[in-house]
Amino acid sequence: MKANRSRPQRNEDPSAHPTMPADARLDDRWAYDDLAAVIAEARKNGKWSNEITVRVSNRPCRDKLRDLITEVIWPGILKIFEGTGLTPHPLTEDDGQLWMRHEWAGRTVMVFEFCVLDSEIADEEGGEELAPYRCFIEGKVRTRGCMFDTNFEMHFPDSIDLTRLRPLLCSDKFGWRPPELTHEKGYQNLPNRFNVRTNLGRDLDYMFDHPPEVMLAELAEHVTYLRRVIRAVRRLSADFQSDHHVRALAHEVEKCFGGDSWTTALGA
């Protein structure tokens, strides 16, 4: 009887099977190797205990994804923001290198983050706190593709009449992902405030199948709308009594974050 060869055997080359993920391994040795390395590093740093939770992933794959991010994706992001009046500020390591973390979502995933600030305040100390908004974009990259997740938060004084924010909070165009309203206690010289938070990209993991060049093009289009939202937030922050500015902001937020904007653009 002939052996069933429909699945790769342990000693076969994954490249012979085009449907096999590039980061797949024919055995679990990489997981044990990575676990041993993580445990050794934790013990060296005095952080090891019997109850510690560690995350393991394919180290060679992680290295390839790091190179992809630093050599292709991040330079592409910097180019997108050129001339926009906005500056992407990445989270970095102590040595100034782009900070990344790895996740396991069925396959090895590398994640990096950056905030978006007006260029005129980006280099000021505490510039992020001076802005009437907070914008973080998270990039997730795996061997088959990447995706971006934008978290955008608008700040309002806690003296504002919340009924005036109804156009921003109650639009049907947000579908099952309406903006969230929270209250934040002030600290140091910052007053109490209300925050309206919205998101684009969360739970759209199937976008991982799109290559970086496609998602960078989509990000570029998204940044065009994001600029308009930020301008609208700044106009409103200069005159919180203006209902016109509230409606204008709601309109821009709907266009940027309403519905599955990237999903529609990708034809999904």
Protein backbone atom coordinates (compact mmCIF):
# COMPACT_ATOMS: atom_id res chain seq x y z
CA MET A 1 0.00 0.00 0.00
CA LYS A 2 1.36 3.41 -0.94
CA ALA A 3 1.75 6.00 1.79
CA ASN A 4 -0.53 9.03 1.62
CA ARG A 5 1.71 11.91 0.47
CA SER A 6 -0.95 14.64 0.62
CA ARG A 7 0.69 16.17 3.70
CA PRO A 8 4.42 16.95 4.10
CA GLN A 9 6.39 14.48 6.13
CA ARG A 10 8.70 15.61 8.94
CA ASN A 11 11.83 15.67 6.82
CA GLU A 12 10.40 17.37 3.77
CA ASP A 13 11.16 20.91 2.60
CA PRO A 14 8.21 23.28 3.20
CA SER A 15 9.05 25.12 -0.04
CA ALA A 16 7.83 22.04 -1.92
CA HIS A 17 4.35 22.79 -0.62
CA PRO A 18 3.23 26.27 -1.76
CA THR A 19 0.14 26.17 0.46
CA MET A 20 2.25 25.67 3.56
CA PRO A 21 2.85 28.95 5.48
CA ALA A 22 6.38 30.25 5.10
CA ASP A 23 6.78 30.42 8.88
CA ALA A 24 5.63 26.83 9.47
CA ARG A 25 8.08 24.31 10.83
CA LEU A 26 8.02 20.58 10.32
CA ASP A 27 8.46 19.91 14.03
CA ASP A 28 8.14 21.77 17.31
CA ARG A 29 11.86 22.06 17.98
CA TRP A 30 11.84 25.84 17.42
CA ALA A 31 9.22 26.25 20.17
CA TYR A 32 11.31 24.35 22.70
CA ASP A 33 14.43 26.25 21.68
CA ASP A 34 12.68 29.59 22.04
CA LEU A 35 11.14 28.62 25.37
CA ALA A 36 14.55 27.62 26.69
CA ALA A 37 16.03 30.93 25.54
CA VAL A 38 13.20 32.93 27.14
CA ILE A 39 13.57 31.05 30.45
CA ALA A 40 17.35 31.56 30.44
CA GLU A 41 16.95 35.29 29.79
CA ALA A 42 14.30 35.63 32.52
CA ARG A 43 16.53 33.84 35.04
CA LYS A 44 19.48 36.01 34.05
CA ASN A 45 17.42 39.15 34.67
CA GLY A 46 15.98 37.81 37.94
CA LYS A 47 12.42 37.74 36.55
CA TRP A 48 11.85 33.98 36.50
CA SER A 49 9.23 32.28 38.67
CA ASN A 50 7.17 29.09 38.46
CA GLU A 51 4.10 31.17 37.59
CA ILE A 52 5.59 33.37 34.90
CA THR A 53 3.80 33.56 31.55
CA VAL A 54 6.03 33.61 28.49
CA ARG A 55 5.28 34.10 24.82
CA VAL A 56 7.21 32.04 22.30
CA SER A 57 7.36 32.31 18.52
CA ASN A 58 9.57 31.32 15.64
CA ARG A 59 12.83 33.28 16.09
CA PRO A 60 14.11 33.02 12.50
CA CYS A 61 10.69 34.19 11.33
CA ARG A 62 10.77 37.06 13.82
CA ASP A 63 14.14 38.18 12.45
CA LYS A 64 12.78 38.21 8.89
CA LEU A 65 9.73 40.20 9.96
CA ARG A 66 11.91 42.69 11.86
CA ASP A 67 13.92 43.26 8.70
CA LEU A 68 10.74 43.67 6.65
CA ILE A 69 9.43 46.29 9.09
CA THR A 70 12.66 48.28 9.40
CA GLU A 71 13.69 48.10 5.73
CA VAL A 72 10.35 48.29 3.89
CA ILE A 73 7.29 49.07 6.00
CA TRP A 74 8.59 51.81 8.32
CA PRO A 75 10.35 53.74 5.50
CA GLY A 76 7.08 53.46 3.56
CA ILE A 77 5.17 54.94 6.50
CA LEU A 78 7.62 57.85 6.79
CA LYS A 79 7.14 58.57 3.09
CA ILE A 80 3.35 58.55 3.50
CA PHE A 81 3.52 61.29 6.14
CA GLU A 82 5.86 63.56 4.16
CA GLY A 83 4.17 66.90 3.45
CA THR A 84 1.07 66.08 5.51
CA GLY A 85 1.82 68.38 8.44
CA LEU A 86 1.73 65.29 10.64
CA THR A 87 4.62 63.38 12.19
CA PRO A 88 4.69 59.66 13.07
CA HIS A 89 6.49 59.13 16.39
CA PRO A 90 7.34 55.46 16.93
CA LEU A 91 7.79 53.71 20.23
CA THR A 92 11.51 53.01 20.43
CA GLU A 93 14.00 51.01 22.43
CA ASP A 94 16.60 52.71 24.66
CA ASP A 95 19.04 52.61 21.76
CA GLY A 96 16.59 54.45 19.48
CA GLN A 97 15.67 51.38 17.43
CA LEU A 98 12.04 50.75 16.56
CA TRP A 99 10.35 48.92 19.44
CA MET A 100 8.60 45.70 18.46
CA ARG A 101 6.91 42.86 20.25
CA HIS A 102 5.98 39.43 18.99
CA GLU A 103 2.61 37.74 19.20
CA TRP A 104 1.36 34.28 18.33
CA ALA A 105 -1.89 34.25 16.36
CA GLY A 106 -1.63 30.83 14.74
CA ARG A 107 1.53 32.18 13.11
CA THR A 108 4.35 34.46 14.24
CA VAL A 109 3.33 38.13 14.23
CA MET A 110 5.51 41.19 14.91
CA VAL A 111 3.84 44.34 16.21
CA PHE A 112 5.05 47.95 16.27
CA GLU A 113 3.31 51.19 17.26
CA PHE A 114 3.55 54.89 16.56
CA CYS A 115 1.61 57.98 17.56
CA VAL A 116 0.60 60.71 15.11
CA LEU A 117 1.14 64.36 16.08
CA ASP A 118 0.91 67.76 14.43
CA SER A 119 4.41 68.47 13.16
CA GLU A 120 4.47 71.89 14.86
CA ILE A 121 4.18 70.34 18.34
CA ALA A 122 5.75 66.94 17.66
CA ASP A 123 9.17 67.99 18.96
CA GLU A 124 7.89 69.96 21.95
CA GLU A 125 8.25 68.44 25.39
CA GLY A 126 4.85 67.06 26.35
CA GLY A 127 3.62 67.64 22.79
CA GLU A 128 1.30 64.64 22.96
CA GLU A 129 -0.44 66.12 26.03
CA LEU A 130 -0.80 69.50 24.31
CA ALA A 131 -2.81 68.04 21.44
CA PRO A 132 -6.63 67.93 21.72
CA TYR A 133 -6.50 64.34 20.47
CA ARG A 134 -4.48 61.15 20.82
CA CYS A 135 -3.80 58.96 17.81
CA PHE A 136 -1.96 55.64 17.90
CA ILE A 137 -1.49 53.34 14.92
CA GLU A 138 -0.46 49.73 15.46
CA GLY A 139 1.14 47.73 12.67
CA LYS A 140 0.90 43.94 12.69
CA VAL A 141 3.10 42.00 10.30
CA ARG A 142 3.36 38.32 9.47
CA THR A 143 4.87 36.47 6.54
CA ARG A 144 1.72 36.54 4.42
CA GLY A 145 0.95 40.23 4.88
CA CYS A 146 0.26 43.04 7.31
CA MET A 147 -2.50 45.27 8.67
CA PHE A 148 -2.86 48.55 10.56
CA ASP A 149 -5.10 49.37 13.49
CA THR A 150 -5.81 53.07 14.22
CA ASN A 151 -6.98 54.18 17.66
CA PHE A 152 -8.15 57.80 17.75
CA GLU A 153 -9.25 59.68 20.85
CA MET A 154 -10.69 63.22 20.98
CA HIS A 155 -10.56 65.30 24.17
CA PHE A 156 -13.34 67.58 25.46
CA PRO A 157 -13.58 69.65 28.66
CA ASP A 158 -15.73 67.95 31.29
CA SER A 159 -17.88 71.10 31.41
CA ILE A 160 -19.22 70.45 27.91
CA ASP A 161 -22.89 69.62 27.47
CA LEU A 162 -22.75 65.98 26.40
CA THR A 163 -25.95 66.28 24.36
CA ARG A 164 -23.95 68.42 21.94
CA LEU A 165 -21.75 65.40 21.19
CA ARG A 166 -24.71 63.34 20.00
CA PRO A 167 -23.81 63.76 16.28
CA LEU A 168 -20.40 62.32 17.08
CA LEU A 169 -21.60 59.43 19.23
CA CYS A 170 -24.87 58.29 17.67
CA SER A 171 -24.28 58.11 13.92
CA ASP A 172 -25.61 54.96 12.22
CA LYS A 173 -22.55 54.97 9.96
CA PHE A 174 -20.42 53.46 12.72
CA GLY A 175 -22.50 50.28 12.65
CA TRP A 176 -21.45 47.82 15.34
CA ARG A 177 -18.37 49.87 16.29
CA PRO A 178 -19.72 53.19 17.63
CA PRO A 179 -17.34 55.64 19.36
CA GLU A 180 -16.86 55.18 23.11
CA LEU A 181 -17.30 57.97 25.66
CA THR A 182 -15.15 57.95 28.82
CA HIS A 183 -14.27 60.41 31.57
CA GLU A 184 -10.65 60.92 32.60
CA LYS A 185 -9.51 62.45 35.88
CA GLY A 186 -6.94 65.20 35.47
CA TYR A 187 -3.44 64.99 36.88
CA GLN A 188 -0.60 67.49 37.38
CA ASN A 189 -1.63 70.54 35.30
CA LEU A 190 -4.14 68.66 33.14
CA PRO A 191 -7.87 69.18 33.86
CA ASN A 192 -10.60 66.56 33.94
CA ARG A 193 -11.92 65.75 30.48
CA PHE A 194 -14.25 63.61 28.43
CA ASN A 195 -12.72 61.38 25.77
CA VAL A 196 -14.43 60.09 22.64
CA ARG A 197 -12.55 57.08 21.26
CA THR A 198 -12.95 55.36 17.91
CA ASN A 199 -11.04 52.71 15.99
CA LEU A 200 -10.38 51.40 12.52
CA GLY A 201 -8.81 48.03 11.82
CA ARG A 202 -9.69 46.05 14.95
CA ASP A 203 -11.13 42.58 14.30
CA LEU A 204 -10.22 42.75 10.59
CA ASP A 205 -7.56 40.05 10.87
CA TYR A 206 -8.30 38.68 7.41
CA MET A 207 -6.46 41.75 6.09
CA PHE A 208 -3.31 39.89 7.07
CA ASP A 209 -3.55 38.27 3.63
CA HIS A 210 -2.81 41.61 1.93
CA PRO A 211 0.89 42.30 1.21
CA PRO A 212 2.63 45.35 2.70
CA GLU A 213 2.49 47.42 -0.50
CA VAL A 214 -1.31 47.08 -0.61
CA MET A 215 -1.79 47.98 3.04
CA LEU A 216 0.65 50.91 2.78
CA ALA A 217 -1.44 52.26 -0.09
CA GLU A 218 -4.56 51.89 2.05
CA LEU A 219 -2.80 53.58 4.96
CA ALA A 220 -1.88 56.50 2.71
CA GLU A 221 -5.55 56.97 1.81
CA HIS A 222 -6.52 56.65 5.47
CA VAL A 223 -4.00 59.34 6.46
CA THR A 224 -5.64 61.72 3.97
CA TYR A 225 -8.91 61.42 5.89
CA LEU A 226 -7.09 61.40 9.23
CA ARG A 227 -5.61 64.84 8.44
CA ARG A 228 -9.10 66.23 7.97
CA VAL A 229 -10.26 64.77 11.29
CA ILE A 230 -7.28 66.29 13.12
CA ARG A 231 -7.91 69.71 11.56
CA ALA A 232 -11.56 69.50 12.60
CA VAL A 233 -10.59 68.54 16.17
CA ARG A 234 -8.23 71.52 16.40
CA ARG A 235 -10.86 73.95 15.10
CA LEU A 236 -13.34 72.68 17.68
CA SER A 237 -10.78 72.83 20.50
CA ALA A 238 -10.37 76.54 19.75
CA ASP A 239 -14.12 77.12 20.16
CA PHE A 240 -15.97 74.40 22.07
CA GLN A 241 -19.15 76.50 21.95
CA SER A 242 -19.48 76.09 18.18
CA ASP A 243 -22.14 73.54 17.19
CA HIS A 244 -20.99 74.00 13.59
CA HIS A 245 -17.54 72.72 14.51
CA VAL A 246 -19.09 69.75 16.34
CA ARG A 247 -21.11 68.77 13.26
CA ALA A 248 -18.09 69.28 10.99
CA LEU A 249 -15.99 67.02 13.23
CA ALA A 250 -18.71 64.35 13.29
CA HIS A 251 -18.83 64.44 9.49
CA GLU A 252 -15.06 63.95 9.15
CA VAL A 253 -14.96 61.18 11.76
CA GLU A 254 -17.75 59.34 9.91
CA LYS A 255 -15.78 59.45 6.66
CA CYS A 256 -12.54 58.34 8.30
CA PHE A 257 -13.79 55.74 10.79
CA GLY A 258 -17.41 54.98 9.88
CA GLY A 259 -18.16 51.50 8.60
CA ASP A 260 -15.32 49.24 7.47
CA SER A 261 -13.54 51.94 5.47
CA TRP A 262 -10.52 49.83 4.52
CA THR A 263 -12.70 46.78 3.89
CA THR A 264 -14.77 48.76 1.37
CA ALA A 265 -11.65 50.15 -0.29
CA LEU A 266 -10.18 46.68 -0.64
CA GLY A 267 -13.35 45.31 -2.16
CA ALA A 268 -13.76 42.76 0.64
